[in-house]
Amino acid sequence: MSGLAVFSLKFPSLLKFDEKRNEARIRANLQSLFGVRQAPCDTQLRAVCDQVNPAELRAPFIHINQRLYDHRLLENFRYLEGFLFSINGTGQFASSSVCCPQCCQRHHRNGPIGYYHQLLAAVLVHPDQKQVLPLFPEAITHQDGESKNDCELNASKRLIKQLREAFPNWPIRVVEDSLFANGPHIKLLKELNIGYIISVKPEGQESLFEEVKDRFFKHETEEFEVLGDDKIVRGYRWINEIPLNKSYPDLQVNFLDYWEIRDGKEFIFRGLPRSN
């Protein structure tokens, strides 16, 4: 409970929590909100919490979000006839001296080894909602029996399957960056009946953009541009059912090119939208 209090009371670190835990106001909050009469020091807190498998913390996430869904309290988060799950990686810990068996390693050119932990986070989002609702994350750590570091792509294989298992009846659309615009990942999404909006970049998808360019010159794309009441020009160009790349010519995707022109500057988004 003290570990949860660190986050709920917004302490920036365990050290700060250790410094403040015996102050009267903090002790009152710990007792009234978390039932903690005497908070442990940061060393003891680490010794206890470090042994907890992150997977054991998923049950409350699943239970709370499913209850919200069952009672139709997530209807304001529906978008594109489903729910948008934004998925991205973030760093948790990095050190040149402190490590554990689950640490990934980064070998620097000048010799030293860096140790780090990351996680892949999934949150429920809506473009018109300021709030986001966290779903359970997947740890990016050294996997048993593996010689290579774990990574976002490997973690995504685990997380996507676990999200579908946890919420089998939800109409899900994942929102991901260009790292996930690859054949195996998109095939997995299709197998799990999960829609997607994945951004793409020319430098990472050369054959895809060559195909788009070829279709554009053949007038096989749909396109229009409008000037909004806010004086922003918005443009759309799209193509349905084109090959992802030369490695996966049979994997058909939709391509969307969107741009805005405001204050004389152009902003561009390119992505692969697909309903499930």
C-alpha atoms as a PDB file:
ATOM      1  CA  MET A   1       0.000   0.000   0.000  1.00  0.00           C
ATOM      2  CA  SER A   2       2.920   2.328   0.613  1.00  0.00           C
ATOM      3  CA  GLY A   3       4.080   1.615  -2.927  1.00  0.00           C
ATOM      4  CA  LEU A   4       0.686   2.726  -4.267  1.00  0.00           C
ATOM      5  CA  ALA A   5       0.854   5.799  -2.020  1.00  0.00           C
ATOM      6  CA  VAL A   6       4.095   6.920  -3.677  1.00  0.00           C
ATOM      7  CA  PHE A   7       2.227   7.303  -6.982  1.00  0.00           C
ATOM      8  CA  SER A   8      -1.115   8.485  -5.611  1.00  0.00           C
ATOM      9  CA  LEU A   9       0.510  11.227  -3.525  1.00  0.00           C
ATOM     10  CA  LYS A  10       2.732  12.118  -6.519  1.00  0.00           C
ATOM     11  CA  PHE A  11       6.152  11.745  -4.956  1.00  0.00           C
ATOM     12  CA  PRO A  12       8.865  12.129  -7.638  1.00  0.00           C
ATOM     13  CA  SER A  13      10.993   9.325  -6.176  1.00  0.00           C
ATOM     14  CA  LEU A  14      11.217   6.787  -3.357  1.00  0.00           C
ATOM     15  CA  LEU A  15      13.913   8.944  -1.769  1.00  0.00           C
ATOM     16  CA  LYS A  16      11.502  11.895  -1.519  1.00  0.00           C
ATOM     17  CA  PHE A  17       8.872   9.587  -0.063  1.00  0.00           C
ATOM     18  CA  ASP A  18      11.409   8.367   2.505  1.00  0.00           C
ATOM     19  CA  GLU A  19      12.221  11.979   3.472  1.00  0.00           C
ATOM     20  CA  LYS A  20       8.567  12.972   3.921  1.00  0.00           C
ATOM     21  CA  ARG A  21       6.913   9.775   5.200  1.00  0.00           C
ATOM     22  CA  ASN A  22       7.092  10.757   8.882  1.00  0.00           C
ATOM     23  CA  GLU A  23       5.684  14.260   8.466  1.00  0.00           C
ATOM     24  CA  ALA A  24       2.343  14.665  10.228  1.00  0.00           C
ATOM     25  CA  ARG A  25       0.325  15.460   7.089  1.00  0.00           C
ATOM     26  CA  ILE A  26       1.818  12.560   5.110  1.00  0.00           C
ATOM     27  CA  ARG A  27       1.335  10.124   8.010  1.00  0.00           C
ATOM     28  CA  ALA A  28      -2.312  11.203   8.288  1.00  0.00           C
ATOM     29  CA  ASN A  29      -2.872  10.633   4.559  1.00  0.00           C
ATOM     30  CA  LEU A  30      -1.127   7.266   4.644  1.00  0.00           C
ATOM     31  CA  GLN A  31      -3.310   6.079   7.516  1.00  0.00           C
ATOM     32  CA  SER A  32      -6.666   7.477   6.318  1.00  0.00           C
ATOM     33  CA  LEU A  33      -6.293   6.706   2.593  1.00  0.00           C
ATOM     34  CA  PHE A  34      -4.144   3.566   2.561  1.00  0.00           C
ATOM     35  CA  GLY A  35      -4.430   2.071   6.048  1.00  0.00           C
ATOM     36  CA  VAL A  36      -0.675   2.416   6.583  1.00  0.00           C
ATOM     37  CA  ARG A  37       0.267   3.192  10.179  1.00  0.00           C
ATOM     38  CA  GLN A  38       4.034   3.101   9.664  1.00  0.00           C
ATOM     39  CA  ALA A  39       5.475   3.413   6.175  1.00  0.00           C
ATOM     40  CA  PRO A  40       8.667   1.452   5.412  1.00  0.00           C
ATOM     41  CA  CYS A  41      11.922   3.129   4.438  1.00  0.00           C
ATOM     42  CA  ASP A  42      12.828   3.215   0.748  1.00  0.00           C
ATOM     43  CA  THR A  43      15.248   0.260   1.128  1.00  0.00           C
ATOM     44  CA  GLN A  44      12.562  -2.002   2.613  1.00  0.00           C
ATOM     45  CA  LEU A  45       9.995  -0.759   0.092  1.00  0.00           C
ATOM     46  CA  ARG A  46      12.305  -1.729  -2.764  1.00  0.00           C
ATOM     47  CA  ALA A  47      13.081  -5.114  -1.203  1.00  0.00           C
ATOM     48  CA  VAL A  48       9.366  -5.965  -1.002  1.00  0.00           C
ATOM     49  CA  CYS A  49       8.059  -4.409  -4.223  1.00  0.00           C
ATOM     50  CA  ASP A  50      10.914  -5.624  -6.417  1.00  0.00           C
ATOM     51  CA  GLN A  51       9.713  -9.193  -5.878  1.00  0.00           C
ATOM     52  CA  VAL A  52       6.240  -8.491  -7.284  1.00  0.00           C
ATOM     53  CA  ASN A  53       5.613  -9.794 -10.795  1.00  0.00           C
ATOM     54  CA  PRO A  54       4.028  -6.934 -12.821  1.00  0.00           C
ATOM     55  CA  ALA A  55       1.541  -9.434 -14.297  1.00  0.00           C
ATOM     56  CA  GLU A  56       0.030  -9.816 -10.814  1.00  0.00           C
ATOM     57  CA  LEU A  57      -1.112  -6.183 -10.949  1.00  0.00           C
ATOM     58  CA  ARG A  58      -3.275  -6.634 -14.060  1.00  0.00           C
ATOM     59  CA  ALA A  59      -6.385  -7.926 -12.320  1.00  0.00           C
ATOM     60  CA  PRO A  60      -7.452  -4.542 -10.861  1.00  0.00           C
ATOM     61  CA  PHE A  61      -6.956  -2.828 -14.240  1.00  0.00           C
ATOM     62  CA  ILE A  62      -9.095  -5.436 -15.979  1.00  0.00           C
ATOM     63  CA  HIS A  63     -11.780  -5.480 -13.280  1.00  0.00           C
ATOM     64  CA  ILE A  64     -12.190  -1.696 -13.092  1.00  0.00           C
ATOM     65  CA  ASN A  65     -12.250  -1.116 -16.857  1.00  0.00           C
ATOM     66  CA  GLN A  66     -14.643  -4.009 -17.468  1.00  0.00           C
ATOM     67  CA  ARG A  67     -17.025  -2.665 -14.819  1.00  0.00           C
ATOM     68  CA  LEU A  68     -16.923   0.755 -16.484  1.00  0.00           C
ATOM     69  CA  TYR A  69     -17.670  -0.899 -19.823  1.00  0.00           C
ATOM     70  CA  ASP A  70     -20.526  -3.037 -18.468  1.00  0.00           C
ATOM     71  CA  HIS A  71     -22.198  -0.002 -16.894  1.00  0.00           C
ATOM     72  CA  ARG A  72     -21.816   1.988 -20.145  1.00  0.00           C
ATOM     73  CA  LEU A  73     -19.610   4.584 -18.463  1.00  0.00           C
ATOM     74  CA  LEU A  74     -17.110   4.453 -21.339  1.00  0.00           C
ATOM     75  CA  GLU A  75     -19.542   5.566 -24.038  1.00  0.00           C
ATOM     76  CA  ASN A  76     -17.936   9.034 -24.190  1.00  0.00           C
ATOM     77  CA  PHE A  77     -14.700   7.288 -25.182  1.00  0.00           C
ATOM     78  CA  ARG A  78     -16.193   5.552 -28.216  1.00  0.00           C
ATOM     79  CA  TYR A  79     -14.599   6.729 -31.446  1.00  0.00           C
ATOM     80  CA  LEU A  80     -14.718   5.288 -34.982  1.00  0.00           C
ATOM     81  CA  GLU A  81     -17.276   2.756 -33.696  1.00  0.00           C
ATOM     82  CA  GLY A  82     -14.847   1.424 -31.114  1.00  0.00           C
ATOM     83  CA  PHE A  83     -12.257   2.293 -28.482  1.00  0.00           C
ATOM     84  CA  LEU A  84      -8.814   3.713 -29.247  1.00  0.00           C
ATOM     85  CA  PHE A  85      -5.970   2.047 -27.356  1.00  0.00           C
ATOM     86  CA  SER A  86      -2.844   4.187 -27.650  1.00  0.00           C
ATOM     87  CA  ILE A  87       0.273   2.012 -27.231  1.00  0.00           C
ATOM     88  CA  ASN A  88       3.818   3.291 -26.781  1.00  0.00           C
ATOM     89  CA  GLY A  89       7.015   2.544 -24.892  1.00  0.00           C
ATOM     90  CA  THR A  90       8.515   4.534 -22.043  1.00  0.00           C
ATOM     91  CA  GLY A  91      11.621   4.328 -19.877  1.00  0.00           C
ATOM     92  CA  GLN A  92      11.479   3.352 -16.206  1.00  0.00           C
ATOM     93  CA  PHE A  93      15.030   2.966 -14.979  1.00  0.00           C
ATOM     94  CA  ALA A  94      18.596   3.393 -16.197  1.00  0.00           C
ATOM     95  CA  SER A  95      21.921   2.982 -14.414  1.00  0.00           C
ATOM     96  CA  SER A  96      25.568   2.274 -15.132  1.00  0.00           C
ATOM     97  CA  SER A  97      26.065   0.368 -11.872  1.00  0.00           C
ATOM     98  CA  VAL A  98      22.762  -0.846 -10.405  1.00  0.00           C
ATOM     99  CA  CYS A  99      21.236  -3.865 -12.147  1.00  0.00           C
ATOM    100  CA  CYS A 100      19.144  -6.985 -11.690  1.00  0.00           C
ATOM    101  CA  PRO A 101      18.657 -10.243 -13.663  1.00  0.00           C
ATOM    102  CA  GLN A 102      15.726  -8.671 -15.549  1.00  0.00           C
ATOM    103  CA  CYS A 103      17.720  -5.642 -16.758  1.00  0.00           C
ATOM    104  CA  CYS A 104      18.284  -5.095 -20.464  1.00  0.00           C
ATOM    105  CA  GLN A 105      21.813  -4.033 -21.352  1.00  0.00           C
ATOM    106  CA  ARG A 106      23.196  -1.275 -23.538  1.00  0.00           C
ATOM    107  CA  HIS A 107      26.880  -1.692 -24.489  1.00  0.00           C
ATOM    108  CA  HIS A 108      28.541   1.680 -25.072  1.00  0.00           C
ATOM    109  CA  ARG A 109      31.415   2.176 -27.499  1.00  0.00           C
ATOM    110  CA  ASN A 110      33.795   3.332 -24.794  1.00  0.00           C
ATOM    111  CA  GLY A 111      33.313   0.131 -22.792  1.00  0.00           C
ATOM    112  CA  PRO A 112      30.807   0.667 -19.962  1.00  0.00           C
ATOM    113  CA  ILE A 113      27.534  -1.250 -19.871  1.00  0.00           C
ATOM    114  CA  GLY A 114      24.262   0.549 -19.213  1.00  0.00           C
ATOM    115  CA  TYR A 115      21.367  -1.242 -17.539  1.00  0.00           C
ATOM    116  CA  TYR A 116      17.749  -0.264 -18.079  1.00  0.00           C
ATOM    117  CA  HIS A 117      14.101  -1.191 -17.692  1.00  0.00           C
ATOM    118  CA  GLN A 118      11.271  -0.044 -19.972  1.00  0.00           C
ATOM    119  CA  LEU A 119       7.590  -0.809 -20.352  1.00  0.00           C
ATOM    120  CA  LEU A 120       5.005  -0.753 -23.101  1.00  0.00           C
ATOM    121  CA  ALA A 121       1.984   1.227 -21.943  1.00  0.00           C
ATOM    122  CA  ALA A 122      -1.583   1.027 -23.262  1.00  0.00           C
ATOM    123  CA  VAL A 123      -4.161   3.723 -22.465  1.00  0.00           C
ATOM    124  CA  LEU A 124      -7.729   4.347 -23.600  1.00  0.00           C
ATOM    125  CA  VAL A 125      -7.889   7.714 -25.407  1.00  0.00           C
ATOM    126  CA  HIS A 126     -10.320   9.931 -27.323  1.00  0.00           C
ATOM    127  CA  PRO A 127      -9.341  13.008 -29.383  1.00  0.00           C
ATOM    128  CA  ASP A 128     -11.952  15.159 -27.614  1.00  0.00           C
ATOM    129  CA  GLN A 129     -11.290  13.915 -24.071  1.00  0.00           C
ATOM    130  CA  LYS A 130      -8.574  15.414 -21.886  1.00  0.00           C
ATOM    131  CA  GLN A 131      -8.531  12.332 -19.655  1.00  0.00           C
ATOM    132  CA  VAL A 132      -6.939   9.012 -20.541  1.00  0.00           C
ATOM    133  CA  LEU A 133      -7.694   5.706 -18.832  1.00  0.00           C
ATOM    134  CA  PRO A 134      -4.712   3.427 -18.212  1.00  0.00           C
ATOM    135  CA  LEU A 135      -4.886  -0.207 -19.179  1.00  0.00           C
ATOM    136  CA  PHE A 136      -2.318  -2.636 -17.833  1.00  0.00           C
ATOM    137  CA  PRO A 137       1.270  -2.270 -19.195  1.00  0.00           C
ATOM    138  CA  GLU A 138       3.744  -4.902 -20.350  1.00  0.00           C
ATOM    139  CA  ALA A 139       7.271  -4.861 -18.927  1.00  0.00           C
ATOM    140  CA  ILE A 140      10.188  -4.700 -21.370  1.00  0.00           C
ATOM    141  CA  THR A 141      12.779  -6.692 -19.460  1.00  0.00           C
ATOM    142  CA  HIS A 142      15.287  -9.453 -20.088  1.00  0.00           C
ATOM    143  CA  GLN A 143      13.320 -12.618 -20.835  1.00  0.00           C
ATOM    144  CA  ASP A 144      14.311 -15.976 -19.379  1.00  0.00           C
ATOM    145  CA  GLY A 145      16.356 -18.071 -21.799  1.00  0.00           C
ATOM    146  CA  GLU A 146      16.919 -15.200 -24.244  1.00  0.00           C
ATOM    147  CA  SER A 147      20.355 -13.876 -25.177  1.00  0.00           C
ATOM    148  CA  LYS A 148      19.083 -10.666 -26.815  1.00  0.00           C
ATOM    149  CA  ASN A 149      17.431  -7.669 -25.183  1.00  0.00           C
ATOM    150  CA  ASP A 150      13.676  -7.489 -25.036  1.00  0.00           C
ATOM    151  CA  CYS A 151      12.170  -4.658 -27.103  1.00  0.00           C
ATOM    152  CA  GLU A 152       8.922  -2.827 -27.860  1.00  0.00           C
ATOM    153  CA  LEU A 153       8.059  -5.110 -30.768  1.00  0.00           C
ATOM    154  CA  ASN A 154       8.472  -8.278 -28.702  1.00  0.00           C
ATOM    155  CA  ALA A 155       6.550  -6.754 -25.812  1.00  0.00           C
ATOM    156  CA  SER A 156       3.770  -5.716 -28.201  1.00  0.00           C
ATOM    157  CA  LYS A 157       3.224  -9.354 -29.225  1.00  0.00           C
ATOM    158  CA  ARG A 158       2.570 -10.206 -25.594  1.00  0.00           C
ATOM    159  CA  LEU A 159       0.556  -7.090 -24.794  1.00  0.00           C
ATOM    160  CA  ILE A 160      -1.776  -7.249 -27.808  1.00  0.00           C
ATOM    161  CA  LYS A 161      -2.701 -10.866 -27.058  1.00  0.00           C
ATOM    162  CA  GLN A 162      -3.227 -10.086 -23.368  1.00  0.00           C
ATOM    163  CA  LEU A 163      -5.433  -7.070 -24.118  1.00  0.00           C
ATOM    164  CA  ARG A 164      -7.659  -9.114 -26.411  1.00  0.00           C
ATOM    165  CA  GLU A 165      -7.856 -11.896 -23.832  1.00  0.00           C
ATOM    166  CA  ALA A 166      -8.720  -9.395 -21.094  1.00  0.00           C
ATOM    167  CA  PHE A 167     -11.367  -7.570 -23.155  1.00  0.00           C
ATOM    168  CA  PRO A 168     -12.650 -10.190 -25.622  1.00  0.00           C
ATOM    169  CA  ASN A 169     -15.831  -8.339 -26.624  1.00  0.00           C
ATOM    170  CA  TRP A 170     -14.495  -4.805 -26.943  1.00  0.00           C
ATOM    171  CA  PRO A 171     -14.249  -3.224 -30.411  1.00  0.00           C
ATOM    172  CA  ILE A 172     -10.587  -2.218 -30.198  1.00  0.00           C
ATOM    173  CA  ARG A 173      -8.503   0.060 -32.462  1.00  0.00           C
ATOM    174  CA  VAL A 174      -4.839   0.416 -31.501  1.00  0.00           C
ATOM    175  CA  VAL A 175      -2.997   3.666 -32.218  1.00  0.00           C
ATOM    176  CA  GLU A 176       0.735   3.103 -32.762  1.00  0.00           C
ATOM    177  CA  ASP A 177       3.824   4.775 -34.206  1.00  0.00           C
ATOM    178  CA  SER A 178       5.781   3.739 -37.300  1.00  0.00           C
ATOM    179  CA  LEU A 179       7.790   1.105 -35.405  1.00  0.00           C
ATOM    180  CA  PHE A 180       4.728  -1.150 -35.608  1.00  0.00           C
ATOM    181  CA  ALA A 181       4.133  -0.739 -39.376  1.00  0.00           C
ATOM    182  CA  ASN A 182       5.424  -4.219 -40.186  1.00  0.00           C
ATOM    183  CA  GLY A 183       3.891  -7.379 -41.594  1.00  0.00           C
ATOM    184  CA  PRO A 184       4.025  -9.718 -38.559  1.00  0.00           C
ATOM    185  CA  HIS A 185       2.495  -7.118 -36.236  1.00  0.00           C
ATOM    186  CA  ILE A 186      -0.348  -6.198 -38.606  1.00  0.00           C
ATOM    187  CA  LYS A 187      -1.076  -9.870 -39.262  1.00  0.00           C
ATOM    188  CA  LEU A 188      -1.334 -10.462 -35.512  1.00  0.00           C
ATOM    189  CA  LEU A 189      -3.788  -7.565 -35.182  1.00  0.00           C
ATOM    190  CA  LYS A 190      -5.937  -9.059 -37.926  1.00  0.00           C
ATOM    191  CA  GLU A 191      -5.874 -12.493 -36.300  1.00  0.00           C
ATOM    192  CA  LEU A 192      -7.065 -10.967 -33.023  1.00  0.00           C
ATOM    193  CA  ASN A 193      -9.782  -8.904 -34.743  1.00  0.00           C
ATOM    194  CA  ILE A 194      -8.185  -5.618 -33.671  1.00  0.00           C
ATOM    195  CA  GLY A 195      -8.353  -2.520 -35.846  1.00  0.00           C
ATOM    196  CA  TYR A 196      -5.428  -0.124 -36.106  1.00  0.00           C
ATOM    197  CA  ILE A 197      -4.199   3.363 -36.939  1.00  0.00           C
ATOM    198  CA  ILE A 198      -0.437   3.111 -37.474  1.00  0.00           C
ATOM    199  CA  SER A 199       1.685   6.051 -38.598  1.00  0.00           C
ATOM    200  CA  VAL A 200       4.194   5.492 -41.407  1.00  0.00           C
ATOM    201  CA  LYS A 201       7.269   7.361 -42.642  1.00  0.00           C
ATOM    202  CA  PRO A 202       8.810   7.425 -46.134  1.00  0.00           C
ATOM    203  CA  GLU A 203      12.234   6.414 -44.810  1.00  0.00           C
ATOM    204  CA  GLY A 204      10.819   3.280 -43.234  1.00  0.00           C
ATOM    205  CA  GLN A 205       8.344   2.224 -45.897  1.00  0.00           C
ATOM    206  CA  GLU A 206       9.990   3.019 -49.250  1.00  0.00           C
ATOM    207  CA  SER A 207       8.042   0.512 -51.350  1.00  0.00           C
ATOM    208  CA  LEU A 208       4.730   1.576 -49.791  1.00  0.00           C
ATOM    209  CA  PHE A 209       5.328   5.222 -50.668  1.00  0.00           C
ATOM    210  CA  GLU A 210       6.494   4.273 -54.162  1.00  0.00           C
ATOM    211  CA  GLU A 211       3.192   2.454 -54.647  1.00  0.00           C
ATOM    212  CA  VAL A 212       1.258   5.472 -53.343  1.00  0.00           C
ATOM    213  CA  LYS A 213       3.144   7.787 -55.700  1.00  0.00           C
ATOM    214  CA  ASP A 214       2.483   5.479 -58.643  1.00  0.00           C
ATOM    215  CA  ARG A 215      -1.231   5.281 -57.831  1.00  0.00           C
ATOM    216  CA  PHE A 216      -1.367   9.083 -57.468  1.00  0.00           C
ATOM    217  CA  PHE A 217       0.022   9.675 -60.963  1.00  0.00           C
ATOM    218  CA  LYS A 218      -2.441   7.096 -62.305  1.00  0.00           C
ATOM    219  CA  HIS A 219      -5.277   9.061 -60.647  1.00  0.00           C
ATOM    220  CA  GLU A 220      -6.214   6.060 -58.531  1.00  0.00           C
ATOM    221  CA  THR A 221      -6.311   7.975 -55.247  1.00  0.00           C
ATOM    222  CA  GLU A 222      -9.178   9.864 -53.613  1.00  0.00           C
ATOM    223  CA  GLU A 223      -8.366  13.408 -52.492  1.00  0.00           C
ATOM    224  CA  PHE A 224      -9.991  16.627 -51.329  1.00  0.00           C
ATOM    225  CA  GLU A 225      -9.077  19.792 -49.411  1.00  0.00           C
ATOM    226  CA  VAL A 226     -11.302  22.113 -47.364  1.00  0.00           C
ATOM    227  CA  LEU A 227     -10.919  25.467 -45.615  1.00  0.00           C
ATOM    228  CA  GLY A 228     -12.471  25.363 -42.148  1.00  0.00           C
ATOM    229  CA  ASP A 229     -14.176  28.172 -40.245  1.00  0.00           C
ATOM    230  CA  ASP A 230     -10.999  28.344 -38.145  1.00  0.00           C
ATOM    231  CA  LYS A 231      -9.040  29.334 -41.296  1.00  0.00           C
ATOM    232  CA  ILE A 232      -7.147  26.043 -41.279  1.00  0.00           C
ATOM    233  CA  VAL A 233      -6.820  24.181 -44.572  1.00  0.00           C
ATOM    234  CA  ARG A 234      -7.270  20.426 -44.154  1.00  0.00           C
ATOM    235  CA  GLY A 235      -6.404  17.979 -46.888  1.00  0.00           C
ATOM    236  CA  TYR A 236      -7.059  14.247 -47.274  1.00  0.00           C
ATOM    237  CA  ARG A 237      -5.710  11.687 -49.711  1.00  0.00           C
ATOM    238  CA  TRP A 238      -6.367   7.979 -49.354  1.00  0.00           C
ATOM    239  CA  ILE A 239      -6.050   4.655 -51.105  1.00  0.00           C
ATOM    240  CA  ASN A 240      -7.654   1.394 -50.051  1.00  0.00           C
ATOM    241  CA  GLU A 241      -6.196  -2.097 -50.374  1.00  0.00           C
ATOM    242  CA  ILE A 242      -2.576  -1.605 -51.421  1.00  0.00           C
ATOM    243  CA  PRO A 243       0.372  -3.920 -50.572  1.00  0.00           C
ATOM    244  CA  LEU A 244       2.184  -3.101 -47.333  1.00  0.00           C
ATOM    245  CA  ASN A 245       5.606  -3.683 -48.891  1.00  0.00           C
ATOM    246  CA  LYS A 246       7.561  -6.044 -51.150  1.00  0.00           C
ATOM    247  CA  SER A 247       8.113  -8.517 -48.303  1.00  0.00           C
ATOM    248  CA  TYR A 248       4.364  -8.794 -47.706  1.00  0.00           C
ATOM    249  CA  PRO A 249       2.743  -8.163 -51.108  1.00  0.00           C
ATOM    250  CA  ASP A 250      -0.402 -10.074 -50.124  1.00  0.00           C
ATOM    251  CA  LEU A 251      -0.980  -8.011 -46.982  1.00  0.00           C
ATOM    252  CA  GLN A 252      -3.388  -5.280 -48.090  1.00  0.00           C
ATOM    253  CA  VAL A 253      -3.600  -2.043 -46.087  1.00  0.00           C
ATOM    254  CA  ASN A 254      -5.344   1.318 -46.393  1.00  0.00           C
ATOM    255  CA  PHE A 255      -3.218   4.465 -46.707  1.00  0.00           C
ATOM    256  CA  LEU A 256      -4.249   7.915 -45.470  1.00  0.00           C
ATOM    257  CA  ASP A 257      -2.355  11.138 -46.149  1.00  0.00           C
ATOM    258  CA  TYR A 258      -3.621  14.047 -44.040  1.00  0.00           C
ATOM    259  CA  TRP A 259      -2.262  17.581 -43.904  1.00  0.00           C
ATOM    260  CA  GLU A 260      -3.075  20.904 -42.292  1.00  0.00           C
ATOM    261  CA  ILE A 261      -1.953  24.341 -43.388  1.00  0.00           C
ATOM    262  CA  ARG A 262      -2.169  26.948 -40.637  1.00  0.00           C
ATOM    263  CA  ASP A 263      -0.298  30.226 -40.264  1.00  0.00           C
ATOM    264  CA  GLY A 264       1.539  29.432 -43.491  1.00  0.00           C
ATOM    265  CA  LYS A 265       2.987  26.169 -42.131  1.00  0.00           C
ATOM    266  CA  GLU A 266       2.129  22.646 -43.274  1.00  0.00           C
ATOM    267  CA  PHE A 267       1.707  19.729 -40.847  1.00  0.00           C
ATOM    268  CA  ILE A 268       1.466  16.176 -42.231  1.00  0.00           C
ATOM    269  CA  PHE A 269       0.254  12.836 -40.853  1.00  0.00           C
ATOM    270  CA  ARG A 270       0.563   9.617 -42.812  1.00  0.00           C
ATOM    271  CA  GLY A 271      -0.924   6.417 -41.516  1.00  0.00           C
ATOM    272  CA  LEU A 272      -2.517   3.023 -42.091  1.00  0.00           C
ATOM    273  CA  PRO A 273      -6.111   3.126 -40.807  1.00  0.00           C
ATOM    274  CA  ARG A 274      -8.041  -0.134 -40.606  1.00  0.00           C
ATOM    275  CA  SER A 275     -11.200  -1.143 -38.763  1.00  0.00           C
ATOM    276  CA  ASN A 276     -11.295  -4.593 -37.216  1.00  0.00           C
END
